[in-house]
Amino acid sequence: MEGSGPWFAAVDESEWPGDEKNKNLIKKDFDNNPAIGDRRQEIVIIGVDINQKEIETKLDACLLSDEEFSLGAQNWREFEDPLPPWYEQ
């Protein structure tokens, strides 16, 4: 697993691709909440005879609970991150 770079919401718009067509495509993926922007994950699983419900259950277990989510982004930084850093800061 590896990252593909920062979200556009975390980058100044002056560093986005220069033409309006690309900027509009980027903005199309933005959430109505500007704090979220295009921040999301997408996972594609391809296989033969896989148990979709089992995979969904395991992935759902990785999500923040409502209580954890209510703590906010500042407190999320205190959570243990099992993954290695994915880009240079």
N, C-alpha and C. Protein backbone atom coordinates (compact mmCIF):
# COMPACT_ATOMS: atom_id res chain seq x y z
N MET A 1 0.85 -1.16 0.00
CA MET A 1 0.00 0.00 0.00
C MET A 1 0.90 1.23 0.00
N GLU A 2 0.51 2.23 -0.77
CA GLU A 2 1.29 3.46 -0.81
C GLU A 2 0.38 4.62 -1.19
N GLY A 3 0.79 5.80 -0.82
CA GLY A 3 0.03 6.99 -1.15
C GLY A 3 0.38 7.50 -2.54
N SER A 4 -0.53 8.28 -3.10
CA SER A 4 -0.27 8.84 -4.42
C SER A 4 -0.04 10.34 -4.35
N GLY A 5 0.11 10.86 -3.15
CA GLY A 5 0.36 12.29 -2.98
C GLY A 5 -0.71 12.93 -2.13
N PRO A 6 -0.56 14.20 -1.84
CA PRO A 6 -1.54 14.88 -0.99
C PRO A 6 -2.86 15.12 -1.74
N TRP A 7 -3.93 15.28 -0.96
CA TRP A 7 -5.20 15.65 -1.55
C TRP A 7 -5.11 17.07 -2.07
N PHE A 8 -5.88 17.38 -3.10
CA PHE A 8 -5.88 18.74 -3.64
C PHE A 8 -6.34 19.74 -2.59
N ALA A 9 -7.22 19.33 -1.68
CA ALA A 9 -7.70 20.22 -0.63
C ALA A 9 -6.56 20.66 0.30
N ALA A 10 -5.48 19.89 0.33
CA ALA A 10 -4.34 20.21 1.19
C ALA A 10 -3.26 20.99 0.45
N VAL A 11 -3.51 21.30 -0.81
CA VAL A 11 -2.52 21.99 -1.65
C VAL A 11 -3.13 23.31 -2.11
N ASP A 12 -2.35 24.36 -2.13
CA ASP A 12 -2.84 25.64 -2.62
C ASP A 12 -3.29 25.50 -4.07
N GLU A 13 -4.42 26.09 -4.38
CA GLU A 13 -4.99 25.95 -5.74
C GLU A 13 -4.03 26.43 -6.83
N SER A 14 -3.10 27.29 -6.48
CA SER A 14 -2.12 27.76 -7.48
C SER A 14 -1.19 26.63 -7.92
N GLU A 15 -1.15 25.52 -7.17
CA GLU A 15 -0.30 24.38 -7.52
C GLU A 15 -1.07 23.28 -8.26
N TRP A 16 -2.36 23.48 -8.47
CA TRP A 16 -3.16 22.52 -9.23
C TRP A 16 -2.83 22.64 -10.71
N PRO A 17 -3.24 21.63 -11.52
CA PRO A 17 -3.08 21.76 -12.97
C PRO A 17 -3.70 23.06 -13.45
N GLY A 18 -3.05 23.72 -14.41
CA GLY A 18 -3.38 25.09 -14.77
C GLY A 18 -4.66 25.36 -15.51
N ASP A 19 -5.20 24.40 -16.26
CA ASP A 19 -6.37 24.74 -17.07
C ASP A 19 -7.68 24.54 -16.29
N GLU A 20 -8.68 25.29 -16.68
CA GLU A 20 -9.97 25.29 -15.98
C GLU A 20 -10.67 23.93 -16.06
N LYS A 21 -10.50 23.22 -17.16
CA LYS A 21 -11.14 21.90 -17.31
C LYS A 21 -10.66 20.97 -16.19
N ASN A 22 -9.35 20.90 -15.96
CA ASN A 22 -8.81 20.03 -14.91
C ASN A 22 -9.22 20.53 -13.52
N LYS A 23 -9.20 21.84 -13.31
CA LYS A 23 -9.61 22.38 -12.01
C LYS A 23 -11.06 22.02 -11.72
N ASN A 24 -11.93 22.10 -12.74
CA ASN A 24 -13.33 21.75 -12.54
C ASN A 24 -13.50 20.26 -12.25
N LEU A 25 -12.71 19.40 -12.90
CA LEU A 25 -12.76 17.97 -12.60
C LEU A 25 -12.33 17.69 -11.16
N ILE A 26 -11.32 18.41 -10.70
CA ILE A 26 -10.84 18.25 -9.33
C ILE A 26 -11.94 18.70 -8.36
N LYS A 27 -12.52 19.86 -8.61
CA LYS A 27 -13.54 20.41 -7.71
C LYS A 27 -14.80 19.54 -7.69
N LYS A 28 -15.05 18.80 -8.77
CA LYS A 28 -16.21 17.91 -8.84
C LYS A 28 -16.16 16.86 -7.73
N ASP A 29 -14.96 16.48 -7.31
CA ASP A 29 -14.80 15.47 -6.26
C ASP A 29 -14.82 16.06 -4.85
N PHE A 30 -14.97 17.38 -4.74
CA PHE A 30 -14.95 18.01 -3.43
C PHE A 30 -16.28 17.83 -2.70
N ASP A 31 -16.20 17.60 -1.41
CA ASP A 31 -17.36 17.54 -0.53
C ASP A 31 -17.86 18.97 -0.33
N ASN A 32 -19.11 19.13 0.06
CA ASN A 32 -19.65 20.47 0.34
C ASN A 32 -18.96 21.13 1.52
N ASN A 33 -18.36 20.34 2.40
CA ASN A 33 -17.63 20.87 3.55
C ASN A 33 -16.20 21.17 3.10
N PRO A 34 -15.80 22.45 3.09
CA PRO A 34 -14.46 22.79 2.61
C PRO A 34 -13.34 22.17 3.45
N ALA A 35 -13.62 21.80 4.69
CA ALA A 35 -12.60 21.16 5.53
C ALA A 35 -12.31 19.75 5.03
N ILE A 36 -13.24 19.17 4.29
CA ILE A 36 -13.06 17.81 3.77
C ILE A 36 -12.52 17.86 2.35
N GLY A 37 -13.09 18.71 1.52
CA GLY A 37 -12.61 18.82 0.14
C GLY A 37 -12.65 17.49 -0.57
N ASP A 38 -11.52 17.08 -1.15
CA ASP A 38 -11.45 15.81 -1.89
C ASP A 38 -10.86 14.69 -1.05
N ARG A 39 -10.80 14.89 0.26
CA ARG A 39 -10.21 13.87 1.13
C ARG A 39 -11.14 12.66 1.24
N ARG A 40 -10.69 11.55 0.72
CA ARG A 40 -11.44 10.30 0.77
C ARG A 40 -10.51 9.17 0.37
N GLN A 41 -10.96 7.97 0.57
CA GLN A 41 -10.21 6.81 0.12
C GLN A 41 -11.09 6.02 -0.83
N GLU A 42 -10.45 5.39 -1.77
CA GLU A 42 -11.15 4.51 -2.70
C GLU A 42 -10.40 3.19 -2.73
N ILE A 43 -11.16 2.12 -2.58
CA ILE A 43 -10.56 0.79 -2.58
C ILE A 43 -11.29 -0.06 -3.62
N VAL A 44 -10.54 -0.74 -4.45
CA VAL A 44 -11.11 -1.66 -5.42
C VAL A 44 -10.56 -3.04 -5.12
N ILE A 45 -11.46 -4.00 -4.97
CA ILE A 45 -11.05 -5.37 -4.69
C ILE A 45 -11.60 -6.24 -5.81
N ILE A 46 -10.72 -6.94 -6.46
CA ILE A 46 -11.10 -7.82 -7.56
C ILE A 46 -10.68 -9.23 -7.20
N GLY A 47 -11.58 -10.17 -7.36
CA GLY A 47 -11.23 -11.54 -7.02
C GLY A 47 -12.29 -12.51 -7.50
N VAL A 48 -12.01 -13.77 -7.32
CA VAL A 48 -12.92 -14.83 -7.69
C VAL A 48 -13.41 -15.48 -6.40
N ASP A 49 -14.71 -15.71 -6.32
CA ASP A 49 -15.31 -16.37 -5.16
C ASP A 49 -14.95 -15.67 -3.85
N ILE A 50 -15.01 -14.33 -3.83
CA ILE A 50 -14.73 -13.60 -2.59
C ILE A 50 -16.04 -13.34 -1.85
N ASN A 51 -15.93 -13.18 -0.56
CA ASN A 51 -17.09 -12.94 0.27
C ASN A 51 -17.21 -11.43 0.50
N GLN A 52 -18.07 -10.80 -0.29
CA GLN A 52 -18.20 -9.35 -0.24
C GLN A 52 -18.59 -8.88 1.15
N LYS A 53 -19.54 -9.53 1.79
CA LYS A 53 -20.01 -9.10 3.12
C LYS A 53 -18.87 -9.17 4.14
N GLU A 54 -18.05 -10.22 4.09
CA GLU A 54 -16.93 -10.36 5.02
C GLU A 54 -15.92 -9.23 4.82
N ILE A 55 -15.64 -8.92 3.58
CA ILE A 55 -14.69 -7.84 3.29
C ILE A 55 -15.25 -6.51 3.78
N GLU A 56 -16.54 -6.24 3.50
CA GLU A 56 -17.16 -5.00 3.96
C GLU A 56 -17.13 -4.90 5.49
N THR A 57 -17.40 -5.99 6.17
CA THR A 57 -17.40 -6.00 7.64
C THR A 57 -16.01 -5.67 8.18
N LYS A 58 -14.99 -6.27 7.59
CA LYS A 58 -13.62 -6.00 8.05
C LYS A 58 -13.20 -4.56 7.76
N LEU A 59 -13.58 -4.04 6.61
CA LEU A 59 -13.25 -2.65 6.29
C LEU A 59 -14.02 -1.68 7.18
N ASP A 60 -15.29 -1.97 7.43
CA ASP A 60 -16.09 -1.10 8.31
C ASP A 60 -15.50 -1.04 9.72
N ALA A 61 -14.87 -2.13 10.16
CA ALA A 61 -14.25 -2.15 11.49
C ALA A 61 -13.07 -1.20 11.59
N CYS A 62 -12.54 -0.78 10.45
CA CYS A 62 -11.41 0.16 10.43
C CYS A 62 -11.84 1.61 10.54
N LEU A 63 -13.12 1.88 10.38
CA LEU A 63 -13.61 3.25 10.42
C LEU A 63 -13.66 3.78 11.85
N LEU A 64 -13.61 5.09 12.00
CA LEU A 64 -13.79 5.70 13.31
C LEU A 64 -15.21 5.44 13.80
N SER A 65 -15.34 5.19 15.09
CA SER A 65 -16.68 5.10 15.67
C SER A 65 -17.24 6.52 15.73
N ASP A 66 -18.54 6.65 16.00
CA ASP A 66 -19.13 7.97 16.13
C ASP A 66 -18.45 8.75 17.26
N GLU A 67 -18.14 8.06 18.36
CA GLU A 67 -17.47 8.70 19.49
C GLU A 67 -16.08 9.19 19.09
N GLU A 68 -15.31 8.34 18.38
CA GLU A 68 -13.97 8.74 17.93
C GLU A 68 -14.06 9.92 16.96
N PHE A 69 -15.02 9.86 16.04
CA PHE A 69 -15.17 10.93 15.05
C PHE A 69 -15.48 12.25 15.74
N SER A 70 -16.30 12.21 16.80
CA SER A 70 -16.70 13.44 17.48
C SER A 70 -15.52 14.11 18.20
N LEU A 71 -14.41 13.40 18.40
CA LEU A 71 -13.24 13.98 19.06
C LEU A 71 -12.56 15.02 18.18
N GLY A 72 -12.74 14.93 16.87
CA GLY A 72 -12.18 15.92 15.96
C GLY A 72 -10.77 15.61 15.51
N ALA A 73 -10.37 16.29 14.43
CA ALA A 73 -9.09 16.02 13.77
C ALA A 73 -7.88 16.24 14.67
N GLN A 74 -7.94 17.24 15.53
CA GLN A 74 -6.80 17.49 16.41
C GLN A 74 -6.52 16.29 17.31
N ASN A 75 -7.56 15.67 17.82
CA ASN A 75 -7.39 14.50 18.69
C ASN A 75 -7.07 13.23 17.91
N TRP A 76 -7.47 13.17 16.67
CA TRP A 76 -7.16 11.99 15.86
C TRP A 76 -5.66 11.82 15.70
N ARG A 77 -4.93 12.91 15.77
CA ARG A 77 -3.46 12.84 15.63
C ARG A 77 -2.83 12.02 16.75
N GLU A 78 -3.54 11.85 17.84
CA GLU A 78 -3.03 11.08 18.97
C GLU A 78 -3.23 9.57 18.78
N PHE A 79 -4.06 9.19 17.81
CA PHE A 79 -4.32 7.77 17.56
C PHE A 79 -3.07 7.11 16.96
N GLU A 80 -2.87 5.86 17.30
CA GLU A 80 -1.75 5.11 16.72
C GLU A 80 -1.99 4.91 15.23
N ASP A 81 -0.97 5.16 14.43
CA ASP A 81 -1.05 4.96 12.98
C ASP A 81 -0.24 3.72 12.63
N PRO A 82 -0.89 2.65 12.20
CA PRO A 82 -0.16 1.41 11.90
C PRO A 82 0.59 1.44 10.57
N LEU A 83 0.38 2.49 9.78
CA LEU A 83 1.01 2.57 8.47
C LEU A 83 2.25 3.45 8.51
N PRO A 84 3.21 3.18 7.63
CA PRO A 84 4.40 4.04 7.56
C PRO A 84 4.03 5.37 6.92
N PRO A 85 4.84 6.42 7.14
CA PRO A 85 4.59 7.70 6.46
C PRO A 85 4.58 7.49 4.95
N TRP A 86 3.69 8.19 4.25
CA TRP A 86 3.56 7.96 2.81
C TRP A 86 4.08 9.10 1.95
N TYR A 87 4.49 10.20 2.55
CA TYR A 87 5.11 11.25 1.76
C TYR A 87 5.99 12.09 2.67
N GLU A 88 6.91 12.80 2.05
CA GLU A 88 7.82 13.66 2.81
C GLU A 88 7.08 14.91 3.24
N GLN A 89 7.26 15.31 4.50
CA GLN A 89 6.60 16.53 5.00
C GLN A 89 7.57 17.66 5.06
